């Protein structure tokens, strides 16, 4: 192995202790899709036929430890026999997903409530105390804390905090 390849391998291996903490930045312990969902917005329009609720203006949706903010959101619900149940929430414009462990940003997003999965697209940025990741699309599995980020035309980038000597 040449010196450059050795340096790259050692550099990547040196990142391994930090990456699991980064991947866990969107885990929500005991995520429960059945928890109540609290919504606030400047305006709300209901379309009973399509079962969509359109929210406009500084929209915020909270469920347990999760908060999602955006300029607009469309909440799609289904009648499950016991009443209406939120199936998915589509967010557009300055989308922000907040958990206790990190923040994710994107231009658009889709939250599949029952599955506990949030997909953000376009200008994606994930931030926590240890790292900043950027890409084109990210899938956050809130139940398992798994993060999948894709680069698209631009590569995925990660900026990691350096480990202090005393923290090793």
N, C-alpha and C. Protein backbone atom coordinates (compact mmCIF):
# COMPACT_ATOMS: atom_id res chain seq x y z
N UNK A 1 0.86 -1.17 0.00
CA UNK A 1 0.00 0.00 0.00
C UNK A 1 0.90 1.23 0.00
N UNK A 2 0.59 2.21 -0.86
CA UNK A 2 1.44 3.39 -0.90
C UNK A 2 1.14 4.32 0.28
N UNK A 3 1.97 5.35 0.46
CA UNK A 3 1.84 6.23 1.62
C UNK A 3 0.51 6.98 1.62
N UNK A 4 0.06 7.46 0.44
CA UNK A 4 -1.20 8.19 0.38
C UNK A 4 -2.37 7.28 0.76
N UNK A 5 -2.40 6.07 0.24
CA UNK A 5 -3.46 5.13 0.57
C UNK A 5 -3.45 4.82 2.06
N UNK A 6 -2.28 4.64 2.64
CA UNK A 6 -2.16 4.38 4.08
C UNK A 6 -2.70 5.54 4.88
N UNK A 7 -2.39 6.77 4.45
CA UNK A 7 -2.86 7.96 5.14
C UNK A 7 -4.38 8.04 5.09
N UNK A 8 -4.97 7.75 3.92
CA UNK A 8 -6.42 7.80 3.77
C UNK A 8 -7.08 6.76 4.65
N UNK A 9 -6.56 5.53 4.64
CA UNK A 9 -7.13 4.47 5.47
C UNK A 9 -7.03 4.84 6.95
N UNK A 10 -5.89 5.33 7.39
CA UNK A 10 -5.73 5.72 8.79
C UNK A 10 -6.67 6.88 9.12
N UNK A 11 -6.80 7.85 8.20
CA UNK A 11 -7.70 8.98 8.41
C UNK A 11 -9.15 8.54 8.55
N UNK A 12 -9.60 7.64 7.68
CA UNK A 12 -10.97 7.15 7.75
C UNK A 12 -11.18 6.33 9.02
N UNK A 13 -10.23 5.49 9.36
CA UNK A 13 -10.36 4.70 10.59
C UNK A 13 -10.39 5.59 11.82
N UNK A 14 -9.68 6.70 11.76
CA UNK A 14 -9.70 7.64 12.87
C UNK A 14 -11.06 8.29 13.07
N UNK A 15 -11.89 8.34 12.03
CA UNK A 15 -13.23 8.92 12.13
C UNK A 15 -14.25 7.95 12.74
N UNK A 16 -13.97 6.67 12.71
CA UNK A 16 -14.95 5.67 13.11
C UNK A 16 -15.53 5.88 14.50
N UNK A 17 -14.75 6.27 15.52
CA UNK A 17 -15.38 6.46 16.82
C UNK A 17 -16.40 7.59 16.84
N UNK A 18 -16.28 8.59 15.99
CA UNK A 18 -17.19 9.73 15.98
C UNK A 18 -18.45 9.44 15.18
N UNK A 19 -18.37 8.64 14.13
CA UNK A 19 -19.51 8.40 13.25
C UNK A 19 -20.71 7.75 13.93
N UNK A 20 -20.56 6.78 14.83
CA UNK A 20 -21.75 6.24 15.49
C UNK A 20 -22.52 7.31 16.25
N UNK A 21 -21.84 8.23 16.90
CA UNK A 21 -22.53 9.31 17.62
C UNK A 21 -23.29 10.19 16.63
N UNK A 22 -22.71 10.42 15.47
CA UNK A 22 -23.36 11.22 14.44
C UNK A 22 -24.60 10.51 13.93
N UNK A 23 -24.51 9.23 13.69
CA UNK A 23 -25.65 8.47 13.18
C UNK A 23 -26.78 8.42 14.19
N UNK A 24 -26.49 8.46 15.46
CA UNK A 24 -27.52 8.40 16.49
C UNK A 24 -28.15 9.76 16.78
N UNK A 25 -27.80 10.78 16.02
CA UNK A 25 -28.28 12.12 16.34
C UNK A 25 -29.79 12.28 16.15
N UNK A 26 -30.44 11.34 15.49
CA UNK A 26 -31.87 11.48 15.29
C UNK A 26 -32.67 10.33 15.87
N UNK A 27 -32.11 9.64 16.81
CA UNK A 27 -32.82 8.59 17.50
C UNK A 27 -33.72 9.22 18.55
N UNK A 28 -34.95 8.75 18.62
CA UNK A 28 -35.85 9.20 19.67
C UNK A 28 -36.21 7.97 20.47
N UNK A 29 -35.76 7.93 21.71
CA UNK A 29 -36.04 6.76 22.53
C UNK A 29 -37.55 6.61 22.66
N UNK A 30 -38.02 5.41 22.47
CA UNK A 30 -39.44 5.10 22.59
C UNK A 30 -40.32 5.94 21.66
N UNK A 31 -39.87 6.14 20.39
CA UNK A 31 -40.71 6.87 19.44
C UNK A 31 -42.05 6.17 19.34
N UNK A 32 -43.12 6.92 19.49
CA UNK A 32 -44.46 6.36 19.48
C UNK A 32 -45.31 7.15 18.49
N UNK A 33 -45.60 6.56 17.34
CA UNK A 33 -46.37 7.25 16.32
C UNK A 33 -47.81 7.50 16.75
N UNK A 34 -48.24 6.87 17.84
CA UNK A 34 -49.60 7.07 18.34
C UNK A 34 -49.74 8.25 19.28
N UNK A 35 -48.62 8.90 19.63
CA UNK A 35 -48.71 10.07 20.50
C UNK A 35 -49.48 11.18 19.81
N UNK A 36 -50.13 12.04 20.59
CA UNK A 36 -50.84 13.16 19.98
C UNK A 36 -49.89 14.06 19.19
N UNK A 37 -50.42 14.66 18.14
CA UNK A 37 -49.66 15.59 17.31
C UNK A 37 -50.25 16.98 17.50
N UNK A 38 -49.40 17.91 17.91
CA UNK A 38 -49.83 19.29 18.13
C UNK A 38 -49.37 20.13 16.95
N UNK A 39 -50.30 20.92 16.38
CA UNK A 39 -50.01 21.70 15.19
C UNK A 39 -50.33 23.17 15.45
N UNK A 40 -49.45 24.06 14.96
CA UNK A 40 -49.76 25.49 14.98
C UNK A 40 -49.32 26.10 13.66
N UNK A 41 -50.11 27.09 13.18
CA UNK A 41 -49.82 27.75 11.91
C UNK A 41 -50.59 29.05 11.86
N UNK A 42 -50.23 29.90 10.89
CA UNK A 42 -50.96 31.15 10.70
C UNK A 42 -52.34 30.92 10.09
N UNK A 43 -52.46 29.90 9.21
CA UNK A 43 -53.76 29.58 8.62
C UNK A 43 -53.86 28.09 8.34
N UNK A 44 -55.10 27.63 8.22
CA UNK A 44 -55.37 26.20 8.04
C UNK A 44 -56.55 26.05 7.08
N UNK A 45 -56.42 25.17 6.10
CA UNK A 45 -57.51 24.85 5.17
C UNK A 45 -57.71 23.34 5.19
N UNK A 46 -58.96 22.90 5.30
CA UNK A 46 -59.28 21.47 5.34
C UNK A 46 -60.00 21.09 4.05
N UNK A 47 -59.55 20.01 3.41
CA UNK A 47 -60.20 19.44 2.24
C UNK A 47 -60.66 18.04 2.66
N UNK A 48 -61.92 17.92 3.05
CA UNK A 48 -62.45 16.65 3.56
C UNK A 48 -62.44 15.56 2.50
N UNK A 49 -62.62 15.95 1.25
CA UNK A 49 -62.66 14.95 0.18
C UNK A 49 -61.31 14.27 0.00
N UNK A 50 -60.23 15.06 -0.05
CA UNK A 50 -58.90 14.48 -0.24
C UNK A 50 -58.26 14.08 1.09
N UNK A 51 -58.89 14.45 2.19
CA UNK A 51 -58.38 14.19 3.55
C UNK A 51 -57.03 14.86 3.77
N UNK A 52 -56.93 16.10 3.29
CA UNK A 52 -55.72 16.90 3.46
C UNK A 52 -56.03 18.15 4.27
N UNK A 53 -55.10 18.50 5.14
CA UNK A 53 -55.15 19.76 5.87
C UNK A 53 -53.91 20.53 5.45
N UNK A 54 -54.12 21.71 4.86
CA UNK A 54 -53.01 22.55 4.41
C UNK A 54 -52.77 23.63 5.44
N UNK A 55 -51.52 23.71 5.91
CA UNK A 55 -51.12 24.67 6.93
C UNK A 55 -50.13 25.65 6.31
N UNK A 56 -50.35 26.93 6.55
CA UNK A 56 -49.49 27.96 5.97
C UNK A 56 -48.99 28.92 7.04
N UNK A 57 -47.76 29.38 6.86
CA UNK A 57 -47.21 30.43 7.70
C UNK A 57 -46.65 29.95 9.03
N UNK A 58 -45.34 29.91 9.14
CA UNK A 58 -44.66 29.54 10.39
C UNK A 58 -45.27 28.28 11.02
N UNK A 59 -45.36 27.24 10.23
CA UNK A 59 -46.00 26.00 10.68
C UNK A 59 -45.06 25.25 11.63
N UNK A 60 -45.63 24.74 12.72
CA UNK A 60 -44.87 23.90 13.66
C UNK A 60 -45.73 22.71 14.04
N UNK A 61 -45.14 21.52 13.94
CA UNK A 61 -45.81 20.28 14.31
C UNK A 61 -44.94 19.59 15.34
N UNK A 62 -45.55 19.18 16.45
CA UNK A 62 -44.80 18.51 17.52
C UNK A 62 -45.47 17.18 17.87
N UNK A 63 -44.62 16.18 18.06
CA UNK A 63 -45.08 14.88 18.55
C UNK A 63 -44.01 14.35 19.48
N UNK A 64 -44.31 14.27 20.75
CA UNK A 64 -43.32 13.82 21.73
C UNK A 64 -42.07 14.68 21.68
N UNK A 65 -40.91 14.03 21.48
CA UNK A 65 -39.62 14.72 21.45
C UNK A 65 -39.28 15.33 20.09
N UNK A 66 -40.17 15.20 19.10
CA UNK A 66 -39.91 15.64 17.74
C UNK A 66 -40.67 16.92 17.43
N UNK A 67 -39.96 17.88 16.81
CA UNK A 67 -40.59 19.10 16.32
C UNK A 67 -40.19 19.28 14.87
N UNK A 68 -41.16 19.60 14.02
CA UNK A 68 -40.91 19.88 12.61
C UNK A 68 -41.48 21.26 12.31
N UNK A 69 -40.65 22.11 11.67
CA UNK A 69 -41.08 23.46 11.30
C UNK A 69 -40.90 23.63 9.79
N UNK A 70 -41.78 24.44 9.19
CA UNK A 70 -41.67 24.75 7.75
C UNK A 70 -42.57 25.92 7.42
N UNK A 71 -42.40 26.44 6.21
CA UNK A 71 -43.26 27.53 5.74
C UNK A 71 -44.68 27.03 5.51
N UNK A 72 -44.80 25.85 4.87
CA UNK A 72 -46.11 25.24 4.63
C UNK A 72 -46.03 23.74 4.87
N UNK A 73 -47.15 23.14 5.23
CA UNK A 73 -47.24 21.69 5.39
C UNK A 73 -48.62 21.23 4.93
N UNK A 74 -48.65 20.02 4.41
CA UNK A 74 -49.91 19.37 4.08
C UNK A 74 -49.96 18.08 4.88
N UNK A 75 -50.97 18.00 5.76
CA UNK A 75 -51.17 16.82 6.60
C UNK A 75 -52.21 15.95 5.92
N UNK A 76 -51.84 14.69 5.64
CA UNK A 76 -52.78 13.76 5.03
C UNK A 76 -53.23 12.79 6.12
N UNK A 77 -54.54 12.64 6.26
CA UNK A 77 -55.07 11.77 7.30
C UNK A 77 -56.01 10.73 6.71
N UNK A 78 -56.19 9.65 7.46
CA UNK A 78 -57.09 8.57 7.08
C UNK A 78 -58.05 8.30 8.23
N UNK A 79 -59.24 7.84 7.90
CA UNK A 79 -60.19 7.41 8.92
C UNK A 79 -59.92 5.94 9.18
N UNK A 80 -59.43 5.62 10.37
CA UNK A 80 -59.09 4.22 10.68
C UNK A 80 -60.21 3.49 11.40
N UNK A 81 -61.43 4.05 11.38
CA UNK A 81 -62.56 3.41 12.04
C UNK A 81 -62.78 3.96 13.44
N UNK A 82 -61.69 4.34 14.11
CA UNK A 82 -61.79 4.92 15.46
C UNK A 82 -61.64 6.44 15.40
N UNK A 83 -61.60 7.00 14.21
CA UNK A 83 -61.40 8.43 14.04
C UNK A 83 -60.31 8.69 13.03
N UNK A 84 -59.92 9.92 12.93
CA UNK A 84 -58.89 10.30 11.96
C UNK A 84 -57.50 10.08 12.51
N UNK A 85 -56.62 9.54 11.66
CA UNK A 85 -55.24 9.25 12.03
C UNK A 85 -54.33 9.91 10.99
N UNK A 86 -53.33 10.65 11.46
CA UNK A 86 -52.38 11.29 10.55
C UNK A 86 -51.52 10.21 9.91
N UNK A 87 -51.49 10.21 8.59
CA UNK A 87 -50.71 9.23 7.83
C UNK A 87 -49.34 9.80 7.45
N UNK A 88 -49.35 11.04 6.91
CA UNK A 88 -48.10 11.65 6.49
C UNK A 88 -48.21 13.17 6.55
N UNK A 89 -47.05 13.80 6.60
CA UNK A 89 -46.98 15.26 6.59
C UNK A 89 -45.91 15.66 5.58
N UNK A 90 -46.32 16.42 4.58
CA UNK A 90 -45.39 16.94 3.57
C UNK A 90 -45.09 18.39 3.93
N UNK A 91 -43.81 18.71 4.02
CA UNK A 91 -43.37 20.06 4.41
C UNK A 91 -42.59 20.70 3.28
N UNK A 92 -42.78 22.00 3.10
CA UNK A 92 -42.07 22.74 2.05
C UNK A 92 -41.62 24.10 2.57
N UNK A 93 -40.42 24.49 2.14
CA UNK A 93 -39.90 25.80 2.48
C UNK A 93 -39.26 25.85 3.85
N UNK A 94 -37.93 25.93 3.89
CA UNK A 94 -37.18 26.07 5.13
C UNK A 94 -37.60 25.03 6.19
N UNK A 95 -37.51 23.76 5.82
CA UNK A 95 -37.92 22.66 6.70
C UNK A 95 -36.83 22.41 7.75
N UNK A 96 -37.23 22.33 9.01
CA UNK A 96 -36.31 22.07 10.12
C UNK A 96 -36.90 20.94 10.97
N UNK A 97 -36.10 19.91 11.24
CA UNK A 97 -36.49 18.80 12.11
C UNK A 97 -35.61 18.87 13.35
N UNK A 98 -36.24 18.95 14.51
CA UNK A 98 -35.51 19.08 15.77
C UNK A 98 -35.76 17.89 16.68
N UNK A 99 -34.69 17.31 17.20
CA UNK A 99 -34.78 16.32 18.26
C UNK A 99 -33.86 16.79 19.38
N UNK A 100 -33.86 16.08 20.49
CA UNK A 100 -32.96 16.44 21.59
C UNK A 100 -31.50 16.32 21.18
N UNK A 101 -31.21 15.47 20.17
CA UNK A 101 -29.83 15.18 19.81
C UNK A 101 -29.30 15.93 18.60
N UNK A 102 -30.18 16.56 17.80
CA UNK A 102 -29.68 17.22 16.61
C UNK A 102 -30.76 17.94 15.84
N UNK A 103 -30.32 18.62 14.78
CA UNK A 103 -31.21 19.39 13.93
C UNK A 103 -30.92 19.04 12.48
N UNK A 104 -31.98 18.88 11.69
CA UNK A 104 -31.83 18.62 10.26
C UNK A 104 -32.57 19.71 9.50
N UNK A 105 -31.97 20.16 8.39
CA UNK A 105 -32.55 21.22 7.57
C UNK A 105 -32.67 20.72 6.14
N UNK A 106 -33.68 21.19 5.43
CA UNK A 106 -33.84 20.89 4.01
C UNK A 106 -34.87 21.83 3.41
N UNK A 107 -35.00 21.80 2.10
CA UNK A 107 -35.98 22.65 1.43
C UNK A 107 -37.36 22.00 1.39
N UNK A 108 -37.42 20.67 1.45
CA UNK A 108 -38.69 19.94 1.39
C UNK A 108 -38.55 18.67 2.21
N UNK A 109 -39.68 18.15 2.70
CA UNK A 109 -39.62 16.93 3.48
C UNK A 109 -40.93 16.17 3.50
N UNK A 110 -40.84 14.89 3.82
CA UNK A 110 -42.00 14.03 4.00
C UNK A 110 -41.80 13.21 5.25
N UNK A 111 -42.75 13.32 6.17
CA UNK A 111 -42.72 12.57 7.42
C UNK A 111 -43.81 11.50 7.34
N UNK A 112 -43.40 10.24 7.29
CA UNK A 112 -44.33 9.12 7.35
C UNK A 112 -44.50 8.78 8.82
N UNK A 113 -45.60 9.20 9.39
CA UNK A 113 -45.77 9.20 10.84
C UNK A 113 -45.72 7.80 11.43
N UNK A 114 -46.51 6.86 10.91
CA UNK A 114 -46.55 5.51 11.49
C UNK A 114 -45.19 4.81 11.41
N UNK A 115 -44.48 5.02 10.30
CA UNK A 115 -43.18 4.38 10.12
C UNK A 115 -42.09 5.06 10.94
N UNK A 116 -42.32 6.32 11.33
CA UNK A 116 -41.29 7.06 12.07
C UNK A 116 -40.11 7.42 11.19
N UNK A 117 -40.39 7.73 9.92
CA UNK A 117 -39.33 8.05 8.97
C UNK A 117 -39.57 9.45 8.40
N UNK A 118 -38.51 10.26 8.40
CA UNK A 118 -38.55 11.59 7.79
C UNK A 118 -37.53 11.61 6.66
N UNK A 119 -37.96 12.06 5.48
CA UNK A 119 -37.07 12.22 4.34
C UNK A 119 -37.00 13.71 4.02
N UNK A 120 -35.80 14.27 4.02
CA UNK A 120 -35.58 15.66 3.64
C UNK A 120 -34.83 15.69 2.32
N UNK A 121 -35.17 16.67 1.47
CA UNK A 121 -34.52 16.79 0.18
C UNK A 121 -34.11 18.23 -0.09
N UNK A 122 -33.09 18.37 -0.92
CA UNK A 122 -32.58 19.64 -1.39
C UNK A 122 -31.92 20.45 -0.27
N UNK A 123 -30.64 20.74 -0.48
CA UNK A 123 -29.86 21.54 0.48
C UNK A 123 -29.94 21.01 1.90
N UNK A 124 -29.72 19.72 2.05
CA UNK A 124 -29.84 19.06 3.35
C UNK A 124 -28.61 19.32 4.21
N UNK A 125 -28.86 19.61 5.47
CA UNK A 125 -27.78 19.82 6.44
C UNK A 125 -28.22 19.23 7.78
N UNK A 126 -27.38 18.36 8.35
CA UNK A 126 -27.62 17.79 9.66
C UNK A 126 -26.57 18.33 10.61
N UNK A 127 -26.99 18.72 11.81
CA UNK A 127 -26.08 19.34 12.76
C UNK A 127 -26.32 18.75 14.14
N UNK A 128 -25.22 18.38 14.80
CA UNK A 128 -25.28 18.07 16.23
C UNK A 128 -23.98 18.55 16.86
N UNK A 129 -23.75 18.24 18.12
CA UNK A 129 -22.55 18.72 18.83
C UNK A 129 -21.26 18.20 18.22
N UNK A 130 -21.31 17.04 17.54
CA UNK A 130 -20.10 16.39 17.05
C UNK A 130 -19.81 16.61 15.57
N UNK A 131 -20.85 16.96 14.77
CA UNK A 131 -20.62 16.97 13.33
C UNK A 131 -21.65 17.80 12.58
N UNK A 132 -21.28 18.15 11.36
CA UNK A 132 -22.20 18.76 10.39
C UNK A 132 -22.09 17.92 9.12
N UNK A 133 -23.22 17.42 8.61
CA UNK A 133 -23.25 16.64 7.37
C UNK A 133 -24.09 17.40 6.36
N UNK A 134 -23.66 17.40 5.10
CA UNK A 134 -24.45 18.04 4.05
C UNK A 134 -24.63 17.07 2.89
N UNK A 135 -25.75 17.22 2.20
CA UNK A 135 -26.04 16.38 1.06
C UNK A 135 -27.28 16.85 0.34
N UNK A 136 -27.81 16.00 -0.51
CA UNK A 136 -28.99 16.33 -1.30
C UNK A 136 -30.25 15.73 -0.71
N UNK A 137 -30.13 14.54 -0.12
CA UNK A 137 -31.30 13.85 0.44
C UNK A 137 -30.87 13.10 1.68
N UNK A 138 -31.69 13.15 2.71
CA UNK A 138 -31.41 12.39 3.93
C UNK A 138 -32.68 11.67 4.36
N UNK A 139 -32.50 10.43 4.83
CA UNK A 139 -33.58 9.66 5.40
C UNK A 139 -33.25 9.45 6.87
N UNK A 140 -34.16 9.89 7.74
CA UNK A 140 -33.98 9.76 9.19
C UNK A 140 -34.97 8.72 9.70
N UNK A 141 -34.47 7.62 10.24
CA UNK A 141 -35.31 6.61 10.86
C UNK A 141 -35.34 6.93 12.35
N UNK A 142 -36.42 7.56 12.80
CA UNK A 142 -36.50 8.04 14.17
C UNK A 142 -36.55 6.90 15.19
N UNK A 143 -37.09 5.76 14.81
CA UNK A 143 -37.20 4.63 15.73
C UNK A 143 -35.84 3.99 16.00
N UNK A 144 -35.02 3.84 14.94
CA UNK A 144 -33.75 3.13 15.06
C UNK A 144 -32.54 4.04 15.10
N UNK A 145 -32.74 5.34 14.86
CA UNK A 145 -31.62 6.26 14.86
C UNK A 145 -30.71 6.12 13.67
N UNK A 146 -31.20 5.51 12.60
CA UNK A 146 -30.38 5.35 11.40
C UNK A 146 -30.51 6.57 10.50
N UNK A 147 -29.40 7.00 9.95
CA UNK A 147 -29.35 8.15 9.06
C UNK A 147 -28.72 7.69 7.74
N UNK A 148 -29.39 8.00 6.62
CA UNK A 148 -28.84 7.71 5.30
C UNK A 148 -28.84 9.03 4.55
N UNK A 149 -27.66 9.48 4.15
CA UNK A 149 -27.55 10.74 3.44
C UNK A 149 -26.92 10.50 2.07
N UNK A 150 -27.50 11.14 1.04
CA UNK A 150 -27.07 10.95 -0.34
C UNK A 150 -26.62 12.30 -0.89
N UNK A 151 -25.59 12.25 -1.74
CA UNK A 151 -25.03 13.48 -2.28
C UNK A 151 -25.67 14.00 -3.55
N UNK A 152 -26.04 13.15 -4.48
CA UNK A 152 -26.57 13.62 -5.75
C UNK A 152 -25.46 14.21 -6.61
N UNK A 153 -25.70 15.42 -7.17
CA UNK A 153 -24.68 16.08 -7.99
C UNK A 153 -23.45 16.45 -7.17
N UNK A 154 -23.66 16.79 -5.92
CA UNK A 154 -22.54 17.11 -5.03
C UNK A 154 -22.33 15.93 -4.09
N UNK A 155 -21.12 15.75 -3.66
CA UNK A 155 -20.81 14.64 -2.75
C UNK A 155 -21.31 14.95 -1.35
N UNK A 156 -21.50 13.90 -0.55
CA UNK A 156 -21.82 14.08 0.86
C UNK A 156 -20.58 14.61 1.55
N UNK A 157 -20.77 15.60 2.40
CA UNK A 157 -19.65 16.17 3.15
C UNK A 157 -19.93 16.07 4.63
N UNK A 158 -18.87 15.87 5.40
CA UNK A 158 -19.00 15.80 6.85
C UNK A 158 -17.87 16.61 7.47
N UNK A 159 -18.22 17.42 8.45
CA UNK A 159 -17.25 18.18 9.23
C UNK A 159 -17.37 17.68 10.66
N UNK A 160 -16.30 17.06 11.15
CA UNK A 160 -16.31 16.45 12.48
C UNK A 160 -15.54 17.30 13.47
N UNK A 161 -15.98 17.29 14.70
CA UNK A 161 -15.24 17.95 15.77
C UNK A 161 -14.01 17.13 16.09
N UNK A 162 -12.90 17.79 16.36
CA UNK A 162 -11.68 17.10 16.74
C UNK A 162 -11.81 16.58 18.18
N UNK A 163 -11.23 15.44 18.44
CA UNK A 163 -11.25 14.87 19.78
C UNK A 163 -10.11 15.50 20.58
N UNK A 164 -10.48 16.03 21.73
CA UNK A 164 -9.47 16.61 22.63
C UNK A 164 -8.60 15.49 23.18
N UNK A 165 -7.33 15.79 23.48
CA UNK A 165 -6.42 14.77 24.00
C UNK A 165 -6.94 14.11 25.26
N UNK A 166 -7.51 14.86 26.16
CA UNK A 166 -8.01 14.31 27.42
C UNK A 166 -9.30 13.53 27.28
N UNK A 167 -9.99 13.65 26.13
CA UNK A 167 -11.27 12.96 25.91
C UNK A 167 -11.11 11.56 25.34
N UNK A 168 -9.88 11.13 25.04
CA UNK A 168 -9.69 9.83 24.37
C UNK A 168 -9.84 8.69 25.31
